Amino acid sequence: MEEEKAEEQQQFSHRQRLKAAVHYTVGCLCMEVALEKQVQFSKQTIAAISEVTFRQCENFAKDLEMFARHAKRSTITTEDVKLLARRSNSLLKYITEKNEEIAQLNLERKAKKRRKPEDENRDSREPDAEVGGSDS
């Protein structure tokens, strides 16, 4: 019973920290827009945007979990995120481009890792070859 209460309290605390982080970020974004567009946001407006954003993120998380579960997976994939963003062409395009960039970077890293052992093998053979070549 006490363990359940402690876990509930921990979850509540975690949720409050997340909400505070979202509120802070929304506040920063509103300040940027305010400076750029020469408008002002009331504290109530920032709080409302923060709350809507937090709730929408919760809905996104639930949807992503259901997409993966429907596909009989326990891992959420990029394809799940694309499915979530399907109604926003600009967001879907952005996610697709970022996914392609990340995939390209991963391929480049893998290629470098493969070359390293080859380079090390070549380096270890080259001194032997030089020593053998200088003896003659």
Protein backbone atom coordinates (compact mmCIF):
# COMPACT_ATOMS: atom_id res chain seq x y z
CA MET A 1 0.00 0.00 0.00
CA GLU A 2 2.78 2.44 0.93
CA GLU A 3 4.74 1.41 -2.17
CA GLU A 4 1.73 2.23 -4.36
CA LYS A 5 1.39 5.65 -2.72
CA ALA A 6 5.10 6.31 -3.16
CA GLU A 7 4.92 5.34 -6.84
CA GLU A 8 1.82 7.50 -7.37
CA GLN A 9 3.60 10.42 -5.73
CA GLN A 10 6.65 9.84 -7.92
CA GLN A 11 4.51 9.73 -11.08
CA PHE A 12 2.69 12.89 -10.02
CA SER A 13 6.00 14.62 -9.36
CA HIS A 14 7.38 13.48 -12.72
CA ARG A 15 4.24 14.72 -14.48
CA GLN A 16 4.48 18.10 -12.75
CA ARG A 17 8.14 18.45 -13.81
CA LEU A 18 7.17 17.64 -17.41
CA LYS A 19 4.35 20.18 -17.29
CA ALA A 20 6.75 22.79 -15.90
CA ALA A 21 9.23 22.06 -18.69
CA VAL A 22 6.51 22.41 -21.34
CA HIS A 23 5.30 25.64 -19.73
CA TYR A 24 8.83 27.03 -19.68
CA THR A 25 9.43 26.10 -23.32
CA VAL A 26 6.09 27.54 -24.45
CA GLY A 27 6.92 30.73 -22.53
CA CYS A 28 10.29 31.00 -24.31
CA LEU A 29 8.67 30.44 -27.70
CA CYS A 30 6.00 33.03 -26.94
CA MET A 31 8.71 35.53 -25.98
CA GLU A 32 10.49 34.92 -29.30
CA VAL A 33 7.26 35.41 -31.25
CA ALA A 34 6.40 38.48 -29.18
CA LEU A 35 9.71 40.12 -30.06
CA GLU A 36 9.55 39.12 -33.71
CA LYS A 37 5.91 40.08 -34.29
CA GLN A 38 5.75 42.91 -31.74
CA VAL A 39 2.82 41.40 -29.85
CA GLN A 40 2.33 40.41 -26.24
CA PHE A 41 1.09 37.20 -24.62
CA SER A 42 -0.68 37.29 -21.28
CA LYS A 43 0.32 34.80 -18.60
CA GLN A 44 -3.10 33.19 -18.96
CA THR A 45 -2.58 32.73 -22.71
CA ILE A 46 0.83 31.13 -22.17
CA ALA A 47 -0.68 28.84 -19.52
CA ALA A 48 -3.51 27.85 -21.87
CA ILE A 49 -1.11 27.11 -24.75
CA SER A 50 1.04 25.09 -22.36
CA GLU A 51 -1.91 23.03 -21.14
CA VAL A 52 -3.18 22.33 -24.66
CA THR A 53 0.34 21.39 -25.77
CA PHE A 54 0.80 19.02 -22.83
CA ARG A 55 -2.55 17.33 -23.45
CA GLN A 56 -1.83 17.00 -27.16
CA CYS A 57 1.53 15.38 -26.37
CA GLU A 58 -0.25 12.90 -24.11
CA ASN A 59 -2.65 12.08 -26.95
CA PHE A 60 0.25 11.68 -29.36
CA ALA A 61 1.99 9.30 -26.96
CA LYS A 62 -1.15 7.18 -26.60
CA ASP A 63 -1.69 7.11 -30.37
CA LEU A 64 1.93 6.11 -31.02
CA GLU A 65 1.66 3.33 -28.45
CA MET A 66 -1.52 2.06 -30.10
CA PHE A 67 0.02 2.17 -33.61
CA ALA A 68 2.93 0.03 -32.44
CA ARG A 69 0.65 -2.33 -30.53
CA HIS A 70 -1.62 -2.69 -33.57
CA ALA A 71 1.44 -3.72 -35.60
CA LYS A 72 2.26 -6.24 -32.83
CA ARG A 73 5.42 -4.36 -31.85
CA SER A 74 6.60 -3.06 -28.52
CA THR A 75 8.78 -0.38 -30.11
CA ILE A 76 7.50 2.83 -31.66
CA THR A 77 9.12 3.43 -35.05
CA THR A 78 9.55 6.36 -37.39
CA GLU A 79 6.74 4.93 -39.49
CA ASP A 80 4.42 5.29 -36.47
CA VAL A 81 5.45 8.93 -36.11
CA LYS A 82 4.84 9.53 -39.82
CA LEU A 83 1.40 7.96 -39.48
CA LEU A 84 0.68 10.31 -36.58
CA ALA A 85 1.76 13.33 -38.64
CA ARG A 86 -0.13 12.30 -41.79
CA ARG A 87 -2.66 15.17 -41.54
CA SER A 88 0.00 17.86 -41.58
CA ASN A 89 1.84 17.85 -44.90
CA SER A 90 4.56 20.22 -43.70
CA LEU A 91 5.18 18.23 -40.51
CA LEU A 92 5.20 14.94 -42.40
CA LYS A 93 7.69 16.38 -44.91
CA TYR A 94 9.91 17.65 -42.07
CA ILE A 95 9.85 14.30 -40.25
CA THR A 96 10.60 12.42 -43.47
CA GLU A 97 13.55 14.70 -44.29
CA LYS A 98 14.98 14.42 -40.76
CA ASN A 99 14.56 10.65 -40.84
CA GLU A 100 16.46 10.48 -44.14
CA GLU A 101 19.24 12.71 -42.73
CA ILE A 102 19.60 10.48 -39.68
CA ALA A 103 19.59 7.33 -41.82
CA GLN A 104 22.35 8.83 -44.00
CA LEU A 105 24.44 9.76 -40.94
CA ASN A 106 24.02 6.24 -39.55
CA LEU A 107 25.18 4.74 -42.87
CA GLU A 108 28.23 7.00 -42.88
CA ARG A 109 29.10 6.03 -39.29
CA LYS A 110 28.77 2.34 -40.10
CA ALA A 111 30.99 2.79 -43.15
CA LYS A 112 33.63 4.53 -41.00
CA LYS A 113 33.50 1.74 -38.42
CA ARG A 114 34.02 -0.84 -41.17
CA ARG A 115 36.96 1.09 -42.60
CA LYS A 116 38.68 1.47 -39.21
CA PRO A 117 39.46 -2.23 -38.73
CA GLU A 118 40.67 -2.37 -42.35
CA ASP A 119 42.89 0.68 -41.75
CA GLU A 120 44.26 -0.83 -38.53
CA ASN A 121 45.02 -4.11 -40.33
CA ARG A 122 46.70 -2.24 -43.17
CA ASP A 123 48.71 -0.11 -40.69
CA SER A 124 49.89 -3.19 -38.82
CA ARG A 125 51.00 -4.82 -42.10
CA GLU A 126 52.73 -1.79 -43.55
CA PRO A 127 55.55 -1.53 -40.98
CA ASP A 128 56.33 -5.24 -41.49
CA ALA A 129 56.46 -4.69 -45.21
CA GLU A 130 58.79 -1.70 -44.77
CA VAL A 131 61.09 -3.63 -42.47
CA GLY A 132 61.17 -6.54 -44.92
CA GLY A 133 61.71 -4.19 -47.84
CA SER A 134 64.59 -2.33 -46.16
CA ASP A 135 66.47 -5.55 -45.33
CA SER A 136 66.99 -6.41 -48.98
